[in-house]
Amino acid sequence: METSSPGIFACTLLHWQPGLKDPYLSSWIMVLIYLVAAVLAFTMAGKGMFPDSARRRERLFWVLIAGLLLALAINKQADLQSLLTAFGRCLAKSQGWYDQRRMVQLVFFQVLGVSAIGGVCTLIWGLRRRLHANALPLLGLAFVAIFILSRAADTYHLDTQLVVLLHARWTERILELSGPLIISVAVLRSLFGNFRRVPAIDDDQQADR
């Protein structure tokens, strides 16, 4: 039984190879949506008008959103969850706990779920004084988290009624689209609102002169 790292990695690469995993037009459109939303989030982090007391937290918030969306865009074609699954399967076989893999998968999913919920709650707490301004991107982030958890549940074959409903084709499409679209709308509304306010201030200043 091979337990060395090279043996495990060789086993993993037998079940997963790098490359484009989903070359269909609909998938490339989704990649583009993720990338556009990520660029908008990075733009918001750099050009958003935040109050001095919350500027650092809100910029970090938008950088985290942008990084997550960029990772999802890459994963859409790289299928990194399959890489993780293949690695876990090879590790389980090499260490002799393959028969108990379902329990390990359930524990991993529970940790992922708690981490996702905890992360969203932490962001809500950190932005609690500015929830009125960040409610929309937080909602989009919640949709992203639900989508990630639904895909993880399907990957680990957690066949509950809720998982089956969330992984239905139409439900999955709605979940996947909703997050980045809501975040994009939030950025555009904020930046466009800032753009419209600036000329108004300039006009007032010119009138005073």
C-alpha atoms as a PDB file:
ATOM      1  CA  MET A   1       0.000   0.000   0.000  1.00  0.00           C
ATOM      2  CA  GLU A   2       1.578   3.281  -1.200  1.00  0.00           C
ATOM      3  CA  THR A   3       1.426   6.022   1.420  1.00  0.00           C
ATOM      4  CA  SER A   4       4.125   8.404   0.177  1.00  0.00           C
ATOM      5  CA  SER A   5       3.232  11.844  -1.132  1.00  0.00           C
ATOM      6  CA  PRO A   6       4.490  11.097  -4.690  1.00  0.00           C
ATOM      7  CA  GLY A   7       2.313   7.960  -4.741  1.00  0.00           C
ATOM      8  CA  ILE A   8      -0.778   9.880  -3.622  1.00  0.00           C
ATOM      9  CA  PHE A   9      -0.167  12.667  -6.129  1.00  0.00           C
ATOM     10  CA  ALA A  10       0.339  10.149  -8.944  1.00  0.00           C
ATOM     11  CA  CYS A  11      -2.917   8.473  -7.984  1.00  0.00           C
ATOM     12  CA  THR A  12      -4.684  11.845  -7.934  1.00  0.00           C
ATOM     13  CA  LEU A  13      -3.463  12.741 -11.411  1.00  0.00           C
ATOM     14  CA  LEU A  14      -4.808   9.432 -12.714  1.00  0.00           C
ATOM     15  CA  HIS A  15      -8.317  10.605 -11.790  1.00  0.00           C
ATOM     16  CA  TRP A  16      -7.947  14.323 -12.541  1.00  0.00           C
ATOM     17  CA  GLN A  17      -6.001  16.116 -15.242  1.00  0.00           C
ATOM     18  CA  PRO A  18      -5.675  19.894 -15.679  1.00  0.00           C
ATOM     19  CA  GLY A  19      -7.546  21.424 -18.564  1.00  0.00           C
ATOM     20  CA  LEU A  20     -10.873  22.927 -19.585  1.00  0.00           C
ATOM     21  CA  LYS A  21     -13.541  20.775 -17.967  1.00  0.00           C
ATOM     22  CA  ASP A  22     -16.682  22.530 -19.188  1.00  0.00           C
ATOM     23  CA  PRO A  23     -16.083  24.008 -22.667  1.00  0.00           C
ATOM     24  CA  TYR A  24     -19.739  24.744 -23.457  1.00  0.00           C
ATOM     25  CA  LEU A  25     -20.945  28.240 -24.379  1.00  0.00           C
ATOM     26  CA  SER A  26     -23.206  28.535 -21.315  1.00  0.00           C
ATOM     27  CA  SER A  27     -20.250  27.785 -19.051  1.00  0.00           C
ATOM     28  CA  TRP A  28     -18.046  30.378 -20.751  1.00  0.00           C
ATOM     29  CA  ILE A  29     -20.841  32.926 -20.350  1.00  0.00           C
ATOM     30  CA  MET A  30     -20.899  32.125 -16.633  1.00  0.00           C
ATOM     31  CA  VAL A  31     -17.115  32.534 -16.469  1.00  0.00           C
ATOM     32  CA  LEU A  32     -17.508  35.953 -18.103  1.00  0.00           C
ATOM     33  CA  ILE A  33     -20.205  36.932 -15.589  1.00  0.00           C
ATOM     34  CA  TYR A  34     -17.926  35.931 -12.714  1.00  0.00           C
ATOM     35  CA  LEU A  35     -15.005  37.879 -14.190  1.00  0.00           C
ATOM     36  CA  VAL A  36     -17.075  41.013 -14.809  1.00  0.00           C
ATOM     37  CA  ALA A  37     -18.433  40.863 -11.259  1.00  0.00           C
ATOM     38  CA  ALA A  38     -14.893  40.365  -9.904  1.00  0.00           C
ATOM     39  CA  VAL A  39     -13.580  43.380 -11.855  1.00  0.00           C
ATOM     40  CA  LEU A  40     -16.488  45.487 -10.597  1.00  0.00           C
ATOM     41  CA  ALA A  41     -15.801  44.389  -7.025  1.00  0.00           C
ATOM     42  CA  PHE A  42     -12.104  45.287  -7.365  1.00  0.00           C
ATOM     43  CA  THR A  43     -13.176  48.651  -8.813  1.00  0.00           C
ATOM     44  CA  MET A  44     -15.478  49.194  -5.856  1.00  0.00           C
ATOM     45  CA  ALA A  45     -12.638  48.414  -3.458  1.00  0.00           C
ATOM     46  CA  GLY A  46     -10.446  51.020  -5.112  1.00  0.00           C
ATOM     47  CA  LYS A  47     -12.905  53.763  -6.067  1.00  0.00           C
ATOM     48  CA  GLY A  48     -15.848  53.305  -3.726  1.00  0.00           C
ATOM     49  CA  MET A  49     -16.687  56.301  -1.530  1.00  0.00           C
ATOM     50  CA  PHE A  50     -16.586  54.945   2.023  1.00  0.00           C
ATOM     51  CA  PRO A  51     -16.703  56.889   5.288  1.00  0.00           C
ATOM     52  CA  ASP A  52     -13.327  57.262   6.992  1.00  0.00           C
ATOM     53  CA  SER A  53     -14.410  55.152   9.963  1.00  0.00           C
ATOM     54  CA  ALA A  54     -15.275  52.151   7.762  1.00  0.00           C
ATOM     55  CA  ARG A  55     -13.018  52.598   4.734  1.00  0.00           C
ATOM     56  CA  ARG A  56     -10.517  49.870   5.612  1.00  0.00           C
ATOM     57  CA  ARG A  57     -13.178  47.286   6.484  1.00  0.00           C
ATOM     58  CA  GLU A  58     -15.262  47.969   3.401  1.00  0.00           C
ATOM     59  CA  ARG A  59     -12.296  47.863   1.037  1.00  0.00           C
ATOM     60  CA  LEU A  60     -11.268  44.539   2.535  1.00  0.00           C
ATOM     61  CA  PHE A  61     -14.865  43.345   2.179  1.00  0.00           C
ATOM     62  CA  TRP A  62     -14.885  44.129  -1.549  1.00  0.00           C
ATOM     63  CA  VAL A  63     -11.427  42.642  -2.115  1.00  0.00           C
ATOM     64  CA  LEU A  64     -12.625  39.400  -0.496  1.00  0.00           C
ATOM     65  CA  ILE A  65     -15.708  39.358  -2.722  1.00  0.00           C
ATOM     66  CA  ALA A  66     -13.569  39.985  -5.816  1.00  0.00           C
ATOM     67  CA  GLY A  67     -11.145  37.220  -4.865  1.00  0.00           C
ATOM     68  CA  LEU A  68     -13.996  34.757  -4.284  1.00  0.00           C
ATOM     69  CA  LEU A  69     -15.605  35.583  -7.642  1.00  0.00           C
ATOM     70  CA  LEU A  70     -12.265  35.239  -9.430  1.00  0.00           C
ATOM     71  CA  ALA A  71     -11.745  31.840  -7.783  1.00  0.00           C
ATOM     72  CA  LEU A  72     -15.211  30.734  -8.926  1.00  0.00           C
ATOM     73  CA  ALA A  73     -14.442  31.859 -12.485  1.00  0.00           C
ATOM     74  CA  ILE A  74     -11.267  29.755 -12.499  1.00  0.00           C
ATOM     75  CA  ASN A  75     -12.993  26.799 -10.879  1.00  0.00           C
ATOM     76  CA  LYS A  76     -15.785  26.885 -13.477  1.00  0.00           C
ATOM     77  CA  GLN A  77     -13.330  25.469 -16.001  1.00  0.00           C
ATOM     78  CA  ALA A  78     -10.643  23.937 -13.765  1.00  0.00           C
ATOM     79  CA  ASP A  79     -13.140  21.868 -11.704  1.00  0.00           C
ATOM     80  CA  LEU A  80     -10.927  22.038  -8.620  1.00  0.00           C
ATOM     81  CA  GLN A  81     -13.512  20.289  -6.451  1.00  0.00           C
ATOM     82  CA  SER A  82     -12.916  17.155  -8.537  1.00  0.00           C
ATOM     83  CA  LEU A  83      -9.191  17.525  -7.854  1.00  0.00           C
ATOM     84  CA  LEU A  84      -9.918  17.701  -4.123  1.00  0.00           C
ATOM     85  CA  THR A  85     -12.234  14.686  -4.364  1.00  0.00           C
ATOM     86  CA  ALA A  86      -9.637  12.653  -6.273  1.00  0.00           C
ATOM     87  CA  PHE A  87      -6.944  13.566  -3.753  1.00  0.00           C
ATOM     88  CA  GLY A  88      -9.214  12.603  -0.842  1.00  0.00           C
ATOM     89  CA  ARG A  89     -10.082   9.272  -2.474  1.00  0.00           C
ATOM     90  CA  CYS A  90      -6.418   8.419  -3.061  1.00  0.00           C
ATOM     91  CA  LEU A  91      -5.487   9.509   0.457  1.00  0.00           C
ATOM     92  CA  ALA A  92      -8.277   7.363   1.927  1.00  0.00           C
ATOM     93  CA  LYS A  93      -7.159   4.310  -0.032  1.00  0.00           C
ATOM     94  CA  SER A  94      -3.510   4.784   0.877  1.00  0.00           C
ATOM     95  CA  GLN A  95      -4.246   5.219   4.592  1.00  0.00           C
ATOM     96  CA  GLY A  96      -6.864   2.487   4.824  1.00  0.00           C
ATOM     97  CA  TRP A  97     -10.006   4.442   5.706  1.00  0.00           C
ATOM     98  CA  TYR A  98     -11.688   4.342   2.297  1.00  0.00           C
ATOM     99  CA  ASP A  99     -14.689   2.431   3.712  1.00  0.00           C
ATOM    100  CA  GLN A 100     -15.300   5.289   6.159  1.00  0.00           C
ATOM    101  CA  ARG A 101     -14.976   8.023   3.532  1.00  0.00           C
ATOM    102  CA  ARG A 102     -18.691   8.946   3.680  1.00  0.00           C
ATOM    103  CA  MET A 103     -18.383   9.916   7.321  1.00  0.00           C
ATOM    104  CA  VAL A 104     -15.273  11.977   6.578  1.00  0.00           C
ATOM    105  CA  GLN A 105     -17.065  13.671   3.672  1.00  0.00           C
ATOM    106  CA  LEU A 106     -20.019  14.509   5.906  1.00  0.00           C
ATOM    107  CA  VAL A 107     -17.718  16.013   8.541  1.00  0.00           C
ATOM    108  CA  PHE A 108     -15.899  18.024   5.855  1.00  0.00           C
ATOM    109  CA  PHE A 109     -19.205  19.315   4.488  1.00  0.00           C
ATOM    110  CA  GLN A 110     -20.343  20.292   7.981  1.00  0.00           C
ATOM    111  CA  VAL A 111     -17.084  22.172   8.569  1.00  0.00           C
ATOM    112  CA  LEU A 112     -17.506  23.908   5.201  1.00  0.00           C
ATOM    113  CA  GLY A 113     -21.097  24.838   6.051  1.00  0.00           C
ATOM    114  CA  VAL A 114     -20.203  26.213   9.472  1.00  0.00           C
ATOM    115  CA  SER A 115     -17.291  28.136   7.942  1.00  0.00           C
ATOM    116  CA  ALA A 116     -19.520  29.658   5.254  1.00  0.00           C
ATOM    117  CA  ILE A 117     -22.215  30.668   7.734  1.00  0.00           C
ATOM    118  CA  GLY A 118     -19.614  31.935  10.180  1.00  0.00           C
ATOM    119  CA  GLY A 119     -17.891  33.947   7.461  1.00  0.00           C
ATOM    120  CA  VAL A 120     -21.110  35.646   6.370  1.00  0.00           C
ATOM    121  CA  CYS A 121     -22.064  36.365   9.994  1.00  0.00           C
ATOM    122  CA  THR A 122     -18.598  37.800  10.656  1.00  0.00           C
ATOM    123  CA  LEU A 123     -18.960  40.125   7.679  1.00  0.00           C
ATOM    124  CA  ILE A 124     -22.410  41.217   8.827  1.00  0.00           C
ATOM    125  CA  TRP A 125     -21.050  41.960  12.300  1.00  0.00           C
ATOM    126  CA  GLY A 126     -18.036  43.822  10.940  1.00  0.00           C
ATOM    127  CA  LEU A 127     -20.255  45.931   8.684  1.00  0.00           C
ATOM    128  CA  ARG A 128     -23.121  46.285  11.165  1.00  0.00           C
ATOM    129  CA  ARG A 129     -22.880  50.089  11.202  1.00  0.00           C
ATOM    130  CA  ARG A 130     -23.135  50.161   7.409  1.00  0.00           C
ATOM    131  CA  LEU A 131     -25.656  47.410   6.724  1.00  0.00           C
ATOM    132  CA  HIS A 132     -27.938  49.815   4.868  1.00  0.00           C
ATOM    133  CA  ALA A 133     -25.172  50.387   2.316  1.00  0.00           C
ATOM    134  CA  ASN A 134     -23.985  46.769   2.122  1.00  0.00           C
ATOM    135  CA  ALA A 135     -27.231  44.811   2.312  1.00  0.00           C
ATOM    136  CA  LEU A 136     -27.289  44.104  -1.436  1.00  0.00           C
ATOM    137  CA  PRO A 137     -23.705  42.765  -1.782  1.00  0.00           C
ATOM    138  CA  LEU A 138     -24.206  40.723   1.394  1.00  0.00           C
ATOM    139  CA  LEU A 139     -27.316  39.200  -0.169  1.00  0.00           C
ATOM    140  CA  GLY A 140     -25.332  38.382  -3.296  1.00  0.00           C
ATOM    141  CA  LEU A 141     -22.594  36.849  -1.161  1.00  0.00           C
ATOM    142  CA  ALA A 142     -25.205  34.726   0.625  1.00  0.00           C
ATOM    143  CA  PHE A 143     -26.396  33.373  -2.744  1.00  0.00           C
ATOM    144  CA  VAL A 144     -22.790  32.558  -3.648  1.00  0.00           C
ATOM    145  CA  ALA A 145     -22.344  30.697  -0.346  1.00  0.00           C
ATOM    146  CA  ILE A 146     -25.542  28.701  -0.864  1.00  0.00           C
ATOM    147  CA  PHE A 147     -24.433  27.766  -4.380  1.00  0.00           C
ATOM    148  CA  ILE A 148     -21.014  26.604  -3.139  1.00  0.00           C
ATOM    149  CA  LEU A 149     -22.616  24.497  -0.406  1.00  0.00           C
ATOM    150  CA  SER A 150     -25.111  22.956  -2.838  1.00  0.00           C
ATOM    151  CA  ARG A 151     -22.291  21.955  -5.196  1.00  0.00           C
ATOM    152  CA  ALA A 152     -20.281  20.534  -2.311  1.00  0.00           C
ATOM    153  CA  ALA A 153     -23.302  18.535  -1.124  1.00  0.00           C
ATOM    154  CA  ASP A 154     -23.758  17.100  -4.613  1.00  0.00           C
ATOM    155  CA  THR A 155     -20.043  16.309  -4.925  1.00  0.00           C
ATOM    156  CA  TYR A 156     -20.162  14.332  -1.693  1.00  0.00           C
ATOM    157  CA  HIS A 157     -23.482  12.674  -2.601  1.00  0.00           C
ATOM    158  CA  LEU A 158     -25.487  14.048   0.314  1.00  0.00           C
ATOM    159  CA  ASP A 159     -28.831  13.111  -1.185  1.00  0.00           C
ATOM    160  CA  THR A 160     -31.294  14.960   1.020  1.00  0.00           C
ATOM    161  CA  GLN A 161     -34.499  16.453  -0.420  1.00  0.00           C
ATOM    162  CA  LEU A 162     -33.075  19.966  -0.016  1.00  0.00           C
ATOM    163  CA  VAL A 163     -29.865  19.037  -1.851  1.00  0.00           C
ATOM    164  CA  VAL A 164     -31.832  17.407  -4.674  1.00  0.00           C
ATOM    165  CA  LEU A 165     -33.962  20.575  -5.008  1.00  0.00           C
ATOM    166  CA  LEU A 166     -30.951  22.917  -4.952  1.00  0.00           C
ATOM    167  CA  HIS A 167     -29.117  20.814  -7.514  1.00  0.00           C
ATOM    168  CA  ALA A 168     -31.986  20.747 -10.004  1.00  0.00           C
ATOM    169  CA  ARG A 169     -30.794  22.360 -13.222  1.00  0.00           C
ATOM    170  CA  TRP A 170     -33.048  25.437 -13.050  1.00  0.00           C
ATOM    171  CA  THR A 171     -32.405  25.966  -9.315  1.00  0.00           C
ATOM    172  CA  GLU A 172     -28.659  25.624  -9.747  1.00  0.00           C
ATOM    173  CA  ARG A 173     -28.638  28.118 -12.630  1.00  0.00           C
ATOM    174  CA  ILE A 174     -30.625  30.644 -10.613  1.00  0.00           C
ATOM    175  CA  LEU A 175     -28.344  30.228  -7.593  1.00  0.00           C
ATOM    176  CA  GLU A 176     -25.176  30.525  -9.659  1.00  0.00           C
ATOM    177  CA  LEU A 177     -26.373  33.592 -11.561  1.00  0.00           C
ATOM    178  CA  SER A 178     -27.975  35.413  -8.643  1.00  0.00           C
ATOM    179  CA  GLY A 179     -24.840  35.981  -6.560  1.00  0.00           C
ATOM    180  CA  PRO A 180     -22.556  37.689  -9.108  1.00  0.00           C
ATOM    181  CA  LEU A 181     -25.459  39.570 -10.728  1.00  0.00           C
ATOM    182  CA  ILE A 182     -26.667  41.011  -7.414  1.00  0.00           C
ATOM    183  CA  ILE A 183     -23.103  41.995  -6.517  1.00  0.00           C
ATOM    184  CA  SER A 184     -22.635  43.639  -9.934  1.00  0.00           C
ATOM    185  CA  VAL A 185     -25.876  45.605  -9.542  1.00  0.00           C
ATOM    186  CA  ALA A 186     -24.752  46.744  -6.081  1.00  0.00           C
ATOM    187  CA  VAL A 187     -21.443  48.025  -7.452  1.00  0.00           C
ATOM    188  CA  LEU A 188     -22.985  49.791 -10.452  1.00  0.00           C
ATOM    189  CA  ARG A 189     -25.653  51.419  -8.299  1.00  0.00           C
ATOM    190  CA  SER A 190     -23.050  52.663  -5.845  1.00  0.00           C
ATOM    191  CA  LEU A 191     -20.538  53.905  -8.430  1.00  0.00           C
ATOM    192  CA  PHE A 192     -23.232  55.471 -10.617  1.00  0.00           C
ATOM    193  CA  GLY A 193     -24.714  57.189  -7.577  1.00  0.00           C
ATOM    194  CA  ASN A 194     -21.291  58.559  -6.648  1.00  0.00           C
ATOM    195  CA  PHE A 195     -20.750  59.720 -10.225  1.00  0.00           C
ATOM    196  CA  ARG A 196     -24.010  61.640 -10.211  1.00  0.00           C
ATOM    197  CA  ARG A 197     -23.333  63.249  -6.834  1.00  0.00           C
ATOM    198  CA  VAL A 198     -19.915  64.630  -7.742  1.00  0.00           C
ATOM    199  CA  PRO A 199     -21.086  66.956 -10.551  1.00  0.00           C
ATOM    200  CA  ALA A 200     -23.865  68.245  -8.314  1.00  0.00           C
ATOM    201  CA  ILE A 201     -21.279  69.310  -5.741  1.00  0.00           C
ATOM    202  CA  ASP A 202     -19.140  70.938  -8.407  1.00  0.00           C
ATOM    203  CA  ASP A 203     -22.115  72.904  -9.759  1.00  0.00           C
ATOM    204  CA  ASP A 204     -22.898  74.196  -6.293  1.00  0.00           C
ATOM    205  CA  GLN A 205     -19.322  75.246  -5.793  1.00  0.00           C
ATOM    206  CA  GLN A 206     -19.307  77.060  -9.133  1.00  0.00           C
ATOM    207  CA  ALA A 207     -22.561  78.829  -8.232  1.00  0.00           C
ATOM    208  CA  ASP A 208     -21.002  80.057  -4.968  1.00  0.00           C
ATOM    209  CA  ARG A 209     -18.097  81.479  -6.921  1.00  0.00           C
END
